[in-house]
């Protein structure tokens, strides 16, 4: 199995980054994060032939959110902004 070439890691400069260079760096960082996720999935699928890939779905993170906690957090944020928040259950 052939390994891909190592990623080029730039040497940090003493100058502050410009908007263009920081955006490019952010895009590269995001690309590496996605590539790593795909690589981890592939590694698990290759190392255990009996494993089947199961997509968690596009709403996976939304299903994990506890509605009571989300409500409490939003009310706290409104109060921090100086608003008086009183909630009543929807009918």
PDB file of N, CA and C in Angstrom:
ATOM      1  N   UNK A   1       0.849  -1.176   0.000  1.00  0.00           N
ATOM      2  CA  UNK A   1       0.000   0.000   0.000  1.00  0.00           C
ATOM      3  C   UNK A   1       0.891   1.236   0.000  1.00  0.00           C
ATOM      4  N   UNK A   2       0.623   2.142  -0.925  1.00  0.00           N
ATOM      5  CA  UNK A   2       1.419   3.356  -1.045  1.00  0.00           C
ATOM      6  C   UNK A   2       0.827   4.459  -0.198  1.00  0.00           C
ATOM      7  N   UNK A   3       1.654   5.135   0.556  1.00  0.00           N
ATOM      8  CA  UNK A   3       1.190   6.235   1.395  1.00  0.00           C
ATOM      9  C   UNK A   3       1.225   7.542   0.622  1.00  0.00           C
ATOM     10  N   UNK A   4       0.280   8.445   0.916  1.00  0.00           N
ATOM     11  CA  UNK A   4       0.310   9.738   0.242  1.00  0.00           C
ATOM     12  C   UNK A   4       1.490  10.562   0.729  1.00  0.00           C
ATOM     13  N   UNK A   5       1.914  11.546  -0.064  1.00  0.00           N
ATOM     14  CA  UNK A   5       3.032  12.380   0.374  1.00  0.00           C
ATOM     15  C   UNK A   5       2.637  13.184   1.608  1.00  0.00           C
ATOM     16  N   UNK A   6       3.591  13.525   2.462  1.00  0.00           N
ATOM     17  CA  UNK A   6       3.260  14.292   3.668  1.00  0.00           C
ATOM     18  C   UNK A   6       2.750  15.679   3.305  1.00  0.00           C
ATOM     19  N   UNK A   7       1.898  16.203   4.167  1.00  0.00           N
ATOM     20  CA  UNK A   7       1.357  17.540   3.950  1.00  0.00           C
ATOM     21  C   UNK A   7       2.432  18.588   4.180  1.00  0.00           C
ATOM     22  N   UNK A   8       2.373  19.646   3.412  1.00  0.00           N
ATOM     23  CA  UNK A   8       3.322  20.750   3.582  1.00  0.00           C
ATOM     24  C   UNK A   8       2.834  21.621   4.732  1.00  0.00           C
ATOM     25  N   UNK A   9       3.655  21.792   5.734  1.00  0.00           N
ATOM     26  CA  UNK A   9       3.317  22.637   6.870  1.00  0.00           C
ATOM     27  C   UNK A   9       4.144  23.903   6.771  1.00  0.00           C
ATOM     28  N   UNK A  10       3.483  25.058   6.540  1.00  0.00           N
ATOM     29  CA  UNK A  10       4.243  26.292   6.386  1.00  0.00           C
ATOM     30  C   UNK A  10       4.858  26.741   7.707  1.00  0.00           C
ATOM     31  N   UNK A  11       5.996  27.403   7.605  1.00  0.00           N
ATOM     32  CA  UNK A  11       6.661  27.946   8.785  1.00  0.00           C
ATOM     33  C   UNK A  11       6.013  29.297   9.098  1.00  0.00           C
ATOM     34  N   UNK A  12       5.543  29.491  10.350  1.00  0.00           N
ATOM     35  CA  UNK A  12       4.879  30.752  10.674  1.00  0.00           C
ATOM     36  C   UNK A  12       5.816  31.938  10.506  1.00  0.00           C
ATOM     37  N   UNK A  13       5.278  33.031   9.987  1.00  0.00           N
ATOM     38  CA  UNK A  13       6.084  34.238   9.816  1.00  0.00           C
ATOM     39  C   UNK A  13       5.816  35.191  10.971  1.00  0.00           C
ATOM     40  N   UNK A  14       6.665  36.184  11.085  1.00  0.00           N
ATOM     41  CA  UNK A  14       6.502  37.144  12.171  1.00  0.00           C
ATOM     42  C   UNK A  14       5.468  38.212  11.834  1.00  0.00           C
ATOM     43  N   UNK A  15       5.051  38.278  10.563  1.00  0.00           N
ATOM     44  CA  UNK A  15       4.066  39.273  10.150  1.00  0.00           C
ATOM     45  C   UNK A  15       2.654  38.765  10.439  1.00  0.00           C
ATOM     46  N   UNK A  16       1.749  39.664  10.818  1.00  0.00           N
ATOM     47  CA  UNK A  16       0.373  39.212  11.049  1.00  0.00           C
ATOM     48  C   UNK A  16      -0.268  38.788   9.739  1.00  0.00           C
ATOM     49  N   UNK A  17      -1.113  37.767   9.768  1.00  0.00           N
ATOM     50  CA  UNK A  17      -1.705  37.298   8.523  1.00  0.00           C
ATOM     51  C   UNK A  17      -2.706  38.303   7.967  1.00  0.00           C
ATOM     52  N   UNK A  18      -2.762  38.388   6.661  1.00  0.00           N
ATOM     53  CA  UNK A  18      -3.776  39.232   6.022  1.00  0.00           C
ATOM     54  C   UNK A  18      -5.065  38.434   5.930  1.00  0.00           C
ATOM     55  N   UNK A  19      -6.142  39.108   5.571  1.00  0.00           N
ATOM     56  CA  UNK A  19      -7.422  38.411   5.463  1.00  0.00           C
ATOM     57  C   UNK A  19      -7.366  37.277   4.453  1.00  0.00           C
ATOM     58  N   UNK A  20      -6.715  37.525   3.329  1.00  0.00           N
ATOM     59  CA  UNK A  20      -6.642  36.504   2.286  1.00  0.00           C
ATOM     60  C   UNK A  20      -5.862  35.286   2.756  1.00  0.00           C
ATOM     61  N   UNK A  21      -4.734  35.516   3.429  1.00  0.00           N
ATOM     62  CA  UNK A  21      -3.939  34.373   3.871  1.00  0.00           C
ATOM     63  C   UNK A  21      -4.613  33.626   5.007  1.00  0.00           C
ATOM     64  N   UNK A  22      -5.330  34.328   5.889  1.00  0.00           N
ATOM     65  CA  UNK A  22      -6.002  33.627   6.980  1.00  0.00           C
ATOM     66  C   UNK A  22      -7.193  32.842   6.451  1.00  0.00           C
ATOM     67  N   UNK A  23      -7.882  33.381   5.414  1.00  0.00           N
ATOM     68  CA  UNK A  23      -8.979  32.632   4.809  1.00  0.00           C
ATOM     69  C   UNK A  23      -8.451  31.383   4.115  1.00  0.00           C
ATOM     70  N   UNK A  24      -7.325  31.512   3.449  1.00  0.00           N
ATOM     71  CA  UNK A  24      -6.729  30.361   2.777  1.00  0.00           C
ATOM     72  C   UNK A  24      -6.301  29.323   3.800  1.00  0.00           C
ATOM     73  N   UNK A  25      -5.743  29.777   4.900  1.00  0.00           N
ATOM     74  CA  UNK A  25      -5.323  28.853   5.950  1.00  0.00           C
ATOM     75  C   UNK A  25      -6.530  28.149   6.560  1.00  0.00           C
ATOM     76  N   UNK A  26      -7.615  28.876   6.750  1.00  0.00           N
ATOM     77  CA  UNK A  26      -8.833  28.276   7.316  1.00  0.00           C
ATOM     78  C   UNK A  26      -9.402  27.238   6.355  1.00  0.00           C
ATOM     79  N   UNK A  27      -9.391  27.537   5.063  1.00  0.00           N
ATOM     80  CA  UNK A  27      -9.894  26.577   4.074  1.00  0.00           C
ATOM     81  C   UNK A  27      -9.043  25.310   4.075  1.00  0.00           C
ATOM     82  N   UNK A  28      -7.725  25.490   4.162  1.00  0.00           N
ATOM     83  CA  UNK A  28      -6.836  24.326   4.183  1.00  0.00           C
ATOM     84  C   UNK A  28      -7.064  23.497   5.442  1.00  0.00           C
ATOM     85  N   UNK A  29      -7.256  24.180   6.563  1.00  0.00           N
ATOM     86  CA  UNK A  29      -7.489  23.474   7.823  1.00  0.00           C
ATOM     87  C   UNK A  29      -8.798  22.681   7.754  1.00  0.00           C
ATOM     88  N   UNK A  30      -9.839  23.277   7.174  1.00  0.00           N
ATOM     89  CA  UNK A  30     -11.110  22.584   7.014  1.00  0.00           C
ATOM     90  C   UNK A  30     -10.961  21.383   6.093  1.00  0.00           C
ATOM     91  N   UNK A  31     -10.214  21.552   5.025  1.00  0.00           N
ATOM     92  CA  UNK A  31      -9.992  20.463   4.082  1.00  0.00           C
ATOM     93  C   UNK A  31      -9.269  19.298   4.754  1.00  0.00           C
ATOM     94  N   UNK A  32      -8.283  19.594   5.561  1.00  0.00           N
ATOM     95  CA  UNK A  32      -7.541  18.548   6.267  1.00  0.00           C
ATOM     96  C   UNK A  32      -8.451  17.835   7.262  1.00  0.00           C
ATOM     97  N   UNK A  33      -9.342  18.577   7.925  1.00  0.00           N
ATOM     98  CA  UNK A  33     -10.250  17.961   8.892  1.00  0.00           C
ATOM     99  C   UNK A  33     -11.206  16.990   8.200  1.00  0.00           C
ATOM    100  N   UNK A  34     -11.734  17.388   7.051  1.00  0.00           N
ATOM    101  CA  UNK A  34     -12.646  16.510   6.305  1.00  0.00           C
ATOM    102  C   UNK A  34     -11.887  15.296   5.777  1.00  0.00           C
ATOM    103  N   UNK A  35     -10.702  15.524   5.261  1.00  0.00           N
ATOM    104  CA  UNK A  35      -9.899  14.413   4.743  1.00  0.00           C
ATOM    105  C   UNK A  35      -9.564  13.420   5.851  1.00  0.00           C
ATOM    106  N   UNK A  36      -9.265  13.921   7.028  1.00  0.00           N
ATOM    107  CA  UNK A  36      -8.962  13.038   8.154  1.00  0.00           C
ATOM    108  C   UNK A  36     -10.176  12.202   8.535  1.00  0.00           C
ATOM    109  N   UNK A  37     -11.364  12.817   8.534  1.00  0.00           N
ATOM    110  CA  UNK A  37     -12.587  12.079   8.851  1.00  0.00           C
ATOM    111  C   UNK A  37     -12.813  10.944   7.862  1.00  0.00           C
ATOM    112  N   UNK A  38     -12.613  11.253   6.580  1.00  0.00           N
ATOM    113  CA  UNK A  38     -12.781  10.221   5.549  1.00  0.00           C
ATOM    114  C   UNK A  38     -11.742   9.120   5.725  1.00  0.00           C
ATOM    115  N   UNK A  39     -10.515   9.508   6.051  1.00  0.00           N
ATOM    116  CA  UNK A  39      -9.447   8.536   6.248  1.00  0.00           C
ATOM    117  C   UNK A  39      -9.744   7.617   7.432  1.00  0.00           C
ATOM    118  N   UNK A  40     -10.261   8.161   8.519  1.00  0.00           N
ATOM    119  CA  UNK A  40     -10.597   7.347   9.693  1.00  0.00           C
ATOM    120  C   UNK A  40     -11.698   6.349   9.338  1.00  0.00           C
ATOM    121  N   UNK A  41     -12.717   6.799   8.610  1.00  0.00           N
ATOM    122  CA  UNK A  41     -13.793   5.892   8.191  1.00  0.00           C
ATOM    123  C   UNK A  41     -13.229   4.775   7.324  1.00  0.00           C
ATOM    124  N   UNK A  42     -12.397   5.143   6.353  1.00  0.00           N
ATOM    125  CA  UNK A  42     -11.812   4.138   5.461  1.00  0.00           C
ATOM    126  C   UNK A  42     -10.951   3.156   6.236  1.00  0.00           C
ATOM    127  N   UNK A  43     -10.185   3.635   7.194  1.00  0.00           N
ATOM    128  CA  UNK A  43      -9.320   2.758   7.984  1.00  0.00           C
ATOM    129  C   UNK A  43     -10.154   1.725   8.742  1.00  0.00           C
ATOM    130  N   UNK A  44     -11.248   2.176   9.355  1.00  0.00           N
ATOM    131  CA  UNK A  44     -12.096   1.242  10.103  1.00  0.00           C
ATOM    132  C   UNK A  44     -12.755   0.229   9.176  1.00  0.00           C
ATOM    133  N   UNK A  45     -13.177   0.666   7.997  1.00  0.00           N
ATOM    134  CA  UNK A  45     -13.812  -0.249   7.054  1.00  0.00           C
ATOM    135  C   UNK A  45     -12.817  -1.267   6.500  1.00  0.00           C
ATOM    136  N   UNK A  46     -11.579  -0.852   6.288  1.00  0.00           N
ATOM    137  CA  UNK A  46     -10.565  -1.761   5.752  1.00  0.00           C
ATOM    138  C   UNK A  46     -10.096  -2.751   6.817  1.00  0.00           C
ATOM    139  N   UNK A  47      -9.908  -2.291   8.053  1.00  0.00           N
ATOM    140  CA  UNK A  47      -9.378  -3.159   9.100  1.00  0.00           C
ATOM    141  C   UNK A  47     -10.380  -4.165   9.635  1.00  0.00           C
ATOM    142  N   UNK A  48     -11.668  -3.912   9.473  1.00  0.00           N
ATOM    143  CA  UNK A  48     -12.682  -4.866   9.917  1.00  0.00           C
ATOM    144  C   UNK A  48     -13.618  -5.125   8.743  1.00  0.00           C
ATOM    145  N   UNK A  49     -13.362  -6.170   7.979  1.00  0.00           N
ATOM    146  CA  UNK A  49     -14.147  -6.425   6.775  1.00  0.00           C
ATOM    147  C   UNK A  49     -15.643  -6.651   7.049  1.00  0.00           C
ATOM    148  N   UNK A  50     -15.997  -7.044   8.260  1.00  0.00           N
ATOM    149  CA  UNK A  50     -17.404  -7.288   8.586  1.00  0.00           C
ATOM    150  C   UNK A  50     -18.166  -5.998   8.885  1.00  0.00           C
ATOM    151  N   UNK A  51     -17.446  -4.889   9.022  1.00  0.00           N
ATOM    152  CA  UNK A  51     -18.084  -3.617   9.335  1.00  0.00           C
ATOM    153  C   UNK A  51     -18.746  -3.051   8.091  1.00  0.00           C
ATOM    154  N   UNK A  52     -19.963  -2.550   8.281  1.00  0.00           N
ATOM    155  CA  UNK A  52     -20.667  -1.881   7.197  1.00  0.00           C
ATOM    156  C   UNK A  52     -20.811  -0.414   7.558  1.00  0.00           C
ATOM    157  N   UNK A  53     -20.634   0.445   6.559  1.00  0.00           N
ATOM    158  CA  UNK A  53     -20.768   1.884   6.797  1.00  0.00           C
ATOM    159  C   UNK A  53     -22.237   2.219   7.005  1.00  0.00           C
ATOM    160  N   UNK A  54     -22.519   2.962   8.070  1.00  0.00           N
ATOM    161  CA  UNK A  54     -23.889   3.383   8.351  1.00  0.00           C
ATOM    162  C   UNK A  54     -23.901   4.900   8.487  1.00  0.00           C
ATOM    163  N   UNK A  55     -24.566   5.558   7.551  1.00  0.00           N
ATOM    164  CA  UNK A  55     -24.651   7.014   7.585  1.00  0.00           C
ATOM    165  C   UNK A  55     -25.579   7.426   8.724  1.00  0.00           C
ATOM    166  N   UNK A  56     -25.143   8.391   9.527  1.00  0.00           N
ATOM    167  CA  UNK A  56     -25.934   8.828  10.674  1.00  0.00           C
ATOM    168  C   UNK A  56     -27.086   9.732  10.280  1.00  0.00           C
ATOM    169  N   UNK A  57     -27.057  10.261   9.085  1.00  0.00           N
ATOM    170  CA  UNK A  57     -28.141  11.119   8.609  1.00  0.00           C
ATOM    171  C   UNK A  57     -27.791  12.590   8.757  1.00  0.00           C
ATOM    172  N   UNK A  58     -28.461  13.404   7.958  1.00  0.00           N
ATOM    173  CA  UNK A  58     -28.165  14.836   7.968  1.00  0.00           C
ATOM    174  C   UNK A  58     -28.689  15.527   9.220  1.00  0.00           C
ATOM    175  N   UNK A  59     -29.636  14.913   9.914  1.00  0.00           N
ATOM    176  CA  UNK A  59     -30.207  15.532  11.115  1.00  0.00           C
ATOM    177  C   UNK A  59     -29.635  14.925  12.400  1.00  0.00           C
ATOM    178  N   UNK A  60     -28.503  14.254  12.314  1.00  0.00           N
ATOM    179  CA  UNK A  60     -27.932  13.570  13.472  1.00  0.00           C
ATOM    180  C   UNK A  60     -27.707  14.506  14.656  1.00  0.00           C
ATOM    181  N   UNK A  61     -27.093  15.653  14.402  1.00  0.00           N
ATOM    182  CA  UNK A  61     -26.783  16.576  15.494  1.00  0.00           C
ATOM    183  C   UNK A  61     -28.054  17.215  16.061  1.00  0.00           C
ATOM    184  N   UNK A  62     -29.044  17.442  15.215  1.00  0.00           N
ATOM    185  CA  UNK A  62     -30.307  18.016  15.695  1.00  0.00           C
ATOM    186  C   UNK A  62     -31.034  17.047  16.618  1.00  0.00           C
ATOM    187  N   UNK A  63     -30.920  15.755  16.353  1.00  0.00           N
ATOM    188  CA  UNK A  63     -31.585  14.761  17.197  1.00  0.00           C
ATOM    189  C   UNK A  63     -30.912  14.640  18.558  1.00  0.00           C
ATOM    190  N   UNK A  64     -29.652  15.046  18.669  1.00  0.00           N
ATOM    191  CA  UNK A  64     -28.936  14.944  19.941  1.00  0.00           C
ATOM    192  C   UNK A  64     -29.272  16.081  20.905  1.00  0.00           C
ATOM    193  N   UNK A  65     -29.823  17.171  20.386  1.00  0.00           N
ATOM    194  CA  UNK A  65     -30.069  18.350  21.212  1.00  0.00           C
ATOM    195  C   UNK A  65     -31.249  18.103  22.143  1.00  0.00           C
ATOM    196  N   UNK A  66     -31.050  18.352  23.427  1.00  0.00           N
ATOM    197  CA  UNK A  66     -32.108  18.237  24.426  1.00  0.00           C
ATOM    198  C   UNK A  66     -32.931  19.526  24.379  1.00  0.00           C
ATOM    199  N   UNK A  67     -34.232  19.449  24.065  1.00  0.00           N
ATOM    200  CA  UNK A  67     -35.052  20.665  23.944  1.00  0.00           C
ATOM    201  C   UNK A  67     -35.084  21.508  25.221  1.00  0.00           C
ATOM    202  N   UNK A  68     -35.123  20.862  26.380  1.00  0.00           N
ATOM    203  CA  UNK A  68     -35.170  21.620  27.643  1.00  0.00           C
ATOM    204  C   UNK A  68     -33.872  22.403  27.841  1.00  0.00           C
ATOM    205  N   UNK A  69     -32.756  21.780  27.537  1.00  0.00           N
ATOM    206  CA  UNK A  69     -31.473  22.463  27.697  1.00  0.00           C
ATOM    207  C   UNK A  69     -31.354  23.621  26.710  1.00  0.00           C
ATOM    208  N   UNK A  70     -31.786  23.385  25.468  1.00  0.00           N
ATOM    209  CA  UNK A  70     -31.726  24.441  24.449  1.00  0.00           C
ATOM    210  C   UNK A  70     -32.582  25.630  24.862  1.00  0.00           C
ATOM    211  N   UNK A  71     -33.765  25.363  25.387  1.00  0.00           N
ATOM    212  CA  UNK A  71     -34.654  26.431  25.851  1.00  0.00           C
ATOM    213  C   UNK A  71     -33.995  27.218  26.976  1.00  0.00           C
ATOM    214  N   UNK A  72     -33.424  26.509  27.933  1.00  0.00           N
ATOM    215  CA  UNK A  72     -32.761  27.152  29.071  1.00  0.00           C
ATOM    216  C   UNK A  72     -31.595  28.022  28.603  1.00  0.00           C
ATOM    217  N   UNK A  73     -30.812  27.523  27.657  1.00  0.00           N
ATOM    218  CA  UNK A  73     -29.679  28.290  27.147  1.00  0.00           C
ATOM    219  C   UNK A  73     -30.134  29.554  26.420  1.00  0.00           C
ATOM    220  N   UNK A  74     -31.194  29.430  25.616  1.00  0.00           N
ATOM    221  CA  UNK A  74     -31.677  30.599  24.876  1.00  0.00           C
ATOM    222  C   UNK A  74     -32.251  31.661  25.811  1.00  0.00           C
ATOM    223  N   UNK A  75     -32.971  31.235  26.856  1.00  0.00           N
ATOM    224  CA  UNK A  75     -33.506  32.185  27.830  1.00  0.00           C
ATOM    225  C   UNK A  75     -32.362  32.887  28.556  1.00  0.00           C
ATOM    226  N   UNK A  76     -31.337  32.145  28.924  1.00  0.00           N
ATOM    227  CA  UNK A  76     -30.175  32.736  29.592  1.00  0.00           C
ATOM    228  C   UNK A  76     -29.493  33.767  28.695  1.00  0.00           C
ATOM    229  N   UNK A  77     -29.377  33.448  27.396  1.00  0.00           N
ATOM    230  CA  UNK A  77     -28.752  34.380  26.464  1.00  0.00           C
ATOM    231  C   UNK A  77     -29.587  35.656  26.328  1.00  0.00           C
ATOM    232  N   UNK A  78     -30.915  35.516  26.276  1.00  0.00           N
ATOM    233  CA  UNK A  78     -31.785  36.698  26.194  1.00  0.00           C
ATOM    234  C   UNK A  78     -31.643  37.572  27.437  1.00  0.00           C
ATOM    235  N   UNK A  79     -31.581  36.940  28.612  1.00  0.00           N
ATOM    236  CA  UNK A  79     -31.429  37.698  29.856  1.00  0.00           C
ATOM    237  C   UNK A  79     -30.078  38.409  29.891  1.00  0.00           C
ATOM    238  N   UNK A  80     -29.051  37.767  29.361  1.00  0.00           N
ATOM    239  CA  UNK A  80     -27.729  38.387  29.321  1.00  0.00           C
ATOM    240  C   UNK A  80     -27.722  39.610  28.412  1.00  0.00           C
ATOM    241  N   UNK A  81     -28.603  39.625  27.421  1.00  0.00           N
ATOM    242  CA  UNK A  81     -28.714  40.774  26.518  1.00  0.00           C
ATOM    243  C   UNK A  81     -29.647  41.858  27.066  1.00  0.00           C
ATOM    244  N   UNK A  82     -30.213  41.606  28.245  1.00  0.00           N
ATOM    245  CA  UNK A  82     -31.062  42.614  28.874  1.00  0.00           C
ATOM    246  C   UNK A  82     -32.540  42.464  28.602  1.00  0.00           C
ATOM    247  N   UNK A  83     -32.966  41.336  28.095  1.00  0.00           N
ATOM    248  CA  UNK A  83     -34.379  41.106  27.805  1.00  0.00           C
ATOM    249  C   UNK A  83     -35.015  40.294  28.930  1.00  0.00           C
ATOM    250  N   UNK A  84     -36.305  40.531  29.180  1.00  0.00           N
ATOM    251  CA  UNK A  84     -37.046  39.738  30.145  1.00  0.00           C
ATOM    252  C   UNK A  84     -37.749  38.625  29.376  1.00  0.00           C
ATOM    253  N   UNK A  85     -37.392  37.391  29.621  1.00  0.00           N
ATOM    254  CA  UNK A  85     -37.946  36.278  28.872  1.00  0.00           C
ATOM    255  C   UNK A  85     -38.854  35.440  29.742  1.00  0.00           C
ATOM    256  N   UNK A  86     -40.130  35.353  29.361  1.00  0.00           N
ATOM    257  CA  UNK A  86     -41.086  34.482  30.008  1.00  0.00           C
ATOM    258  C   UNK A  86     -41.683  33.586  28.937  1.00  0.00           C
ATOM    259  N   UNK A  87     -41.595  32.300  29.129  1.00  0.00           N
ATOM    260  CA  UNK A  87     -42.065  31.373  28.115  1.00  0.00           C
ATOM    261  C   UNK A  87     -43.298  30.636  28.601  1.00  0.00           C
ATOM    262  N   UNK A  88     -44.190  30.374  27.654  1.00  0.00           N
ATOM    263  CA  UNK A  88     -45.377  29.571  27.931  1.00  0.00           C
ATOM    264  C   UNK A  88     -45.406  28.454  26.902  1.00  0.00           C
ATOM    265  N   UNK A  89     -45.873  27.262  27.295  1.00  0.00           N
ATOM    266  CA  UNK A  89     -45.921  26.147  26.339  1.00  0.00           C
ATOM    267  C   UNK A  89     -46.832  26.475  25.155  1.00  0.00           C
ATOM    268  N   UNK A  90     -46.413  26.055  23.981  1.00  0.00           N
ATOM    269  CA  UNK A  90     -47.218  26.280  22.771  1.00  0.00           C
ATOM    270  C   UNK A  90     -48.447  25.384  22.823  1.00  0.00           C
ATOM    271  N   UNK A  91     -49.551  25.918  22.348  1.00  0.00           N
ATOM    272  CA  UNK A  91     -50.772  25.099  22.380  1.00  0.00           C
ATOM    273  C   UNK A  91     -51.169  24.647  21.008  1.00  0.00           C
TER     274      UNK A  91
END
